[in-house]
């Protein structure tokens, strides 16, 4: 669940960042994808750390 939430948050932040900078649809898609990948990786690492600490 952490990964899914992180990816969705990344997409939203990426789209808003592109829109704030005056980007078109392609820019919003690219920013959304890049932020989603980055946040997804952070989410996976957070999930692994949490499972290691609690196990």
N, C-alpha and C. Protein backbone atom coordinates (compact mmCIF):
# COMPACT_ATOMS: atom_id res chain seq x y z
N UNK A 1 0.81 -1.20 0.00
CA UNK A 1 0.00 0.00 0.00
C UNK A 1 0.85 1.26 0.00
N UNK A 2 1.99 1.19 0.62
CA UNK A 2 2.86 2.36 0.65
C UNK A 2 3.32 2.71 -0.76
N UNK A 3 3.63 1.71 -1.54
CA UNK A 3 4.14 1.94 -2.89
C UNK A 3 3.05 2.56 -3.76
N UNK A 4 1.84 2.02 -3.67
CA UNK A 4 0.74 2.55 -4.48
C UNK A 4 0.46 4.01 -4.11
N UNK A 5 0.42 4.29 -2.82
CA UNK A 5 0.20 5.67 -2.38
C UNK A 5 1.32 6.60 -2.83
N UNK A 6 2.54 6.11 -2.75
CA UNK A 6 3.69 6.94 -3.17
C UNK A 6 3.64 7.22 -4.67
N UNK A 7 3.28 6.22 -5.46
CA UNK A 7 3.19 6.41 -6.91
C UNK A 7 2.10 7.42 -7.24
N UNK A 8 0.94 7.28 -6.63
CA UNK A 8 -0.15 8.23 -6.89
C UNK A 8 0.22 9.65 -6.46
N UNK A 9 0.86 9.76 -5.32
CA UNK A 9 1.32 11.07 -4.87
C UNK A 9 2.34 11.65 -5.84
N UNK A 10 3.22 10.82 -6.34
CA UNK A 10 4.22 11.27 -7.31
C UNK A 10 3.59 11.76 -8.60
N UNK A 11 2.58 11.05 -9.08
CA UNK A 11 1.89 11.49 -10.30
C UNK A 11 1.25 12.86 -10.08
N UNK A 12 0.56 13.00 -8.97
CA UNK A 12 -0.11 14.28 -8.70
C UNK A 12 0.89 15.42 -8.57
N UNK A 13 1.96 15.20 -7.83
CA UNK A 13 2.95 16.26 -7.66
C UNK A 13 3.64 16.59 -8.99
N UNK A 14 3.90 15.58 -9.80
CA UNK A 14 4.53 15.81 -11.09
C UNK A 14 3.64 16.62 -12.02
N UNK A 15 2.37 16.28 -12.08
CA UNK A 15 1.44 17.01 -12.94
C UNK A 15 1.30 18.45 -12.46
N UNK A 16 1.17 18.65 -11.16
CA UNK A 16 1.03 20.01 -10.64
C UNK A 16 2.31 20.82 -10.88
N UNK A 17 3.46 20.19 -10.77
CA UNK A 17 4.73 20.88 -11.01
C UNK A 17 4.82 21.32 -12.47
N UNK A 18 4.45 20.44 -13.40
CA UNK A 18 4.50 20.78 -14.82
C UNK A 18 3.49 21.88 -15.14
N UNK A 19 2.31 21.79 -14.55
CA UNK A 19 1.30 22.82 -14.79
C UNK A 19 1.76 24.17 -14.25
N UNK A 20 2.41 24.16 -13.09
CA UNK A 20 2.92 25.39 -12.47
C UNK A 20 3.97 26.05 -13.36
N UNK A 21 4.76 25.22 -14.05
CA UNK A 21 5.80 25.75 -14.94
C UNK A 21 5.27 26.08 -16.34
N UNK A 22 3.97 25.92 -16.56
CA UNK A 22 3.37 26.28 -17.83
C UNK A 22 3.53 25.22 -18.91
N UNK A 23 3.61 23.96 -18.51
CA UNK A 23 3.80 22.88 -19.47
C UNK A 23 2.51 22.45 -20.14
N UNK A 24 2.66 21.80 -21.28
CA UNK A 24 1.49 21.26 -21.98
C UNK A 24 1.22 19.84 -21.50
N UNK A 25 0.31 19.15 -22.18
CA UNK A 25 -0.09 17.80 -21.75
C UNK A 25 1.09 16.84 -21.74
N UNK A 26 1.94 16.92 -22.77
CA UNK A 26 3.10 16.01 -22.83
C UNK A 26 4.04 16.25 -21.65
N UNK A 27 4.23 17.50 -21.29
CA UNK A 27 5.08 17.82 -20.13
C UNK A 27 4.48 17.26 -18.85
N UNK A 28 3.16 17.41 -18.71
CA UNK A 28 2.50 16.90 -17.51
C UNK A 28 2.62 15.38 -17.42
N UNK A 29 2.48 14.70 -18.55
CA UNK A 29 2.62 13.24 -18.56
C UNK A 29 4.05 12.83 -18.19
N UNK A 30 5.03 13.55 -18.75
CA UNK A 30 6.42 13.20 -18.47
C UNK A 30 6.77 13.47 -17.01
N UNK A 31 6.41 14.62 -16.51
CA UNK A 31 6.70 14.93 -15.10
C UNK A 31 5.99 13.93 -14.19
N UNK A 32 4.72 13.62 -14.52
CA UNK A 32 3.98 12.65 -13.71
C UNK A 32 4.65 11.30 -13.69
N UNK A 33 5.15 10.85 -14.84
CA UNK A 33 5.81 9.55 -14.92
C UNK A 33 7.12 9.54 -14.13
N UNK A 34 7.90 10.58 -14.28
CA UNK A 34 9.20 10.64 -13.58
C UNK A 34 9.00 10.70 -12.08
N UNK A 35 8.08 11.54 -11.63
CA UNK A 35 7.81 11.64 -10.20
C UNK A 35 7.25 10.33 -9.67
N UNK A 36 6.38 9.66 -10.45
CA UNK A 36 5.81 8.39 -10.02
C UNK A 36 6.89 7.34 -9.84
N UNK A 37 7.84 7.28 -10.77
CA UNK A 37 8.93 6.32 -10.67
C UNK A 37 9.79 6.61 -9.44
N UNK A 38 10.14 7.87 -9.26
CA UNK A 38 10.99 8.25 -8.13
C UNK A 38 10.29 7.96 -6.80
N UNK A 39 9.03 8.35 -6.68
CA UNK A 39 8.31 8.12 -5.43
C UNK A 39 8.05 6.63 -5.22
N UNK A 40 7.85 5.89 -6.31
CA UNK A 40 7.67 4.45 -6.20
C UNK A 40 8.90 3.76 -5.63
N UNK A 41 10.07 4.18 -6.09
CA UNK A 41 11.32 3.61 -5.57
C UNK A 41 11.46 3.92 -4.08
N UNK A 42 11.16 5.14 -3.70
CA UNK A 42 11.22 5.51 -2.29
C UNK A 42 10.20 4.70 -1.49
N UNK A 43 9.03 4.47 -2.06
CA UNK A 43 8.01 3.66 -1.40
C UNK A 43 8.45 2.22 -1.20
N UNK A 44 9.11 1.66 -2.19
CA UNK A 44 9.61 0.28 -2.07
C UNK A 44 10.67 0.21 -0.97
N UNK A 45 11.57 1.17 -0.95
CA UNK A 45 12.61 1.18 0.09
C UNK A 45 11.98 1.34 1.47
N UNK A 46 10.99 2.22 1.59
CA UNK A 46 10.31 2.40 2.87
C UNK A 46 9.61 1.12 3.31
N UNK A 47 8.98 0.44 2.36
CA UNK A 47 8.30 -0.82 2.69
C UNK A 47 9.28 -1.87 3.18
N UNK A 48 10.42 -1.98 2.52
CA UNK A 48 11.43 -2.96 2.93
C UNK A 48 11.96 -2.63 4.32
N UNK A 49 12.24 -1.36 4.56
CA UNK A 49 12.76 -0.96 5.88
C UNK A 49 11.74 -1.24 6.97
N UNK A 50 10.49 -0.92 6.71
CA UNK A 50 9.43 -1.14 7.72
C UNK A 50 9.29 -2.64 8.01
N UNK A 51 9.32 -3.46 6.97
CA UNK A 51 9.17 -4.90 7.18
C UNK A 51 10.39 -5.48 7.91
N UNK A 52 11.56 -4.94 7.65
CA UNK A 52 12.76 -5.43 8.34
C UNK A 52 12.74 -5.06 9.82
N UNK A 53 12.28 -3.85 10.11
CA UNK A 53 12.28 -3.37 11.50
C UNK A 53 11.21 -4.10 12.32
N UNK A 54 10.05 -4.33 11.73
CA UNK A 54 8.95 -4.95 12.46
C UNK A 54 9.02 -6.47 12.51
N UNK A 55 9.88 -7.07 11.69
CA UNK A 55 9.93 -8.55 11.65
C UNK A 55 10.89 -9.11 12.67
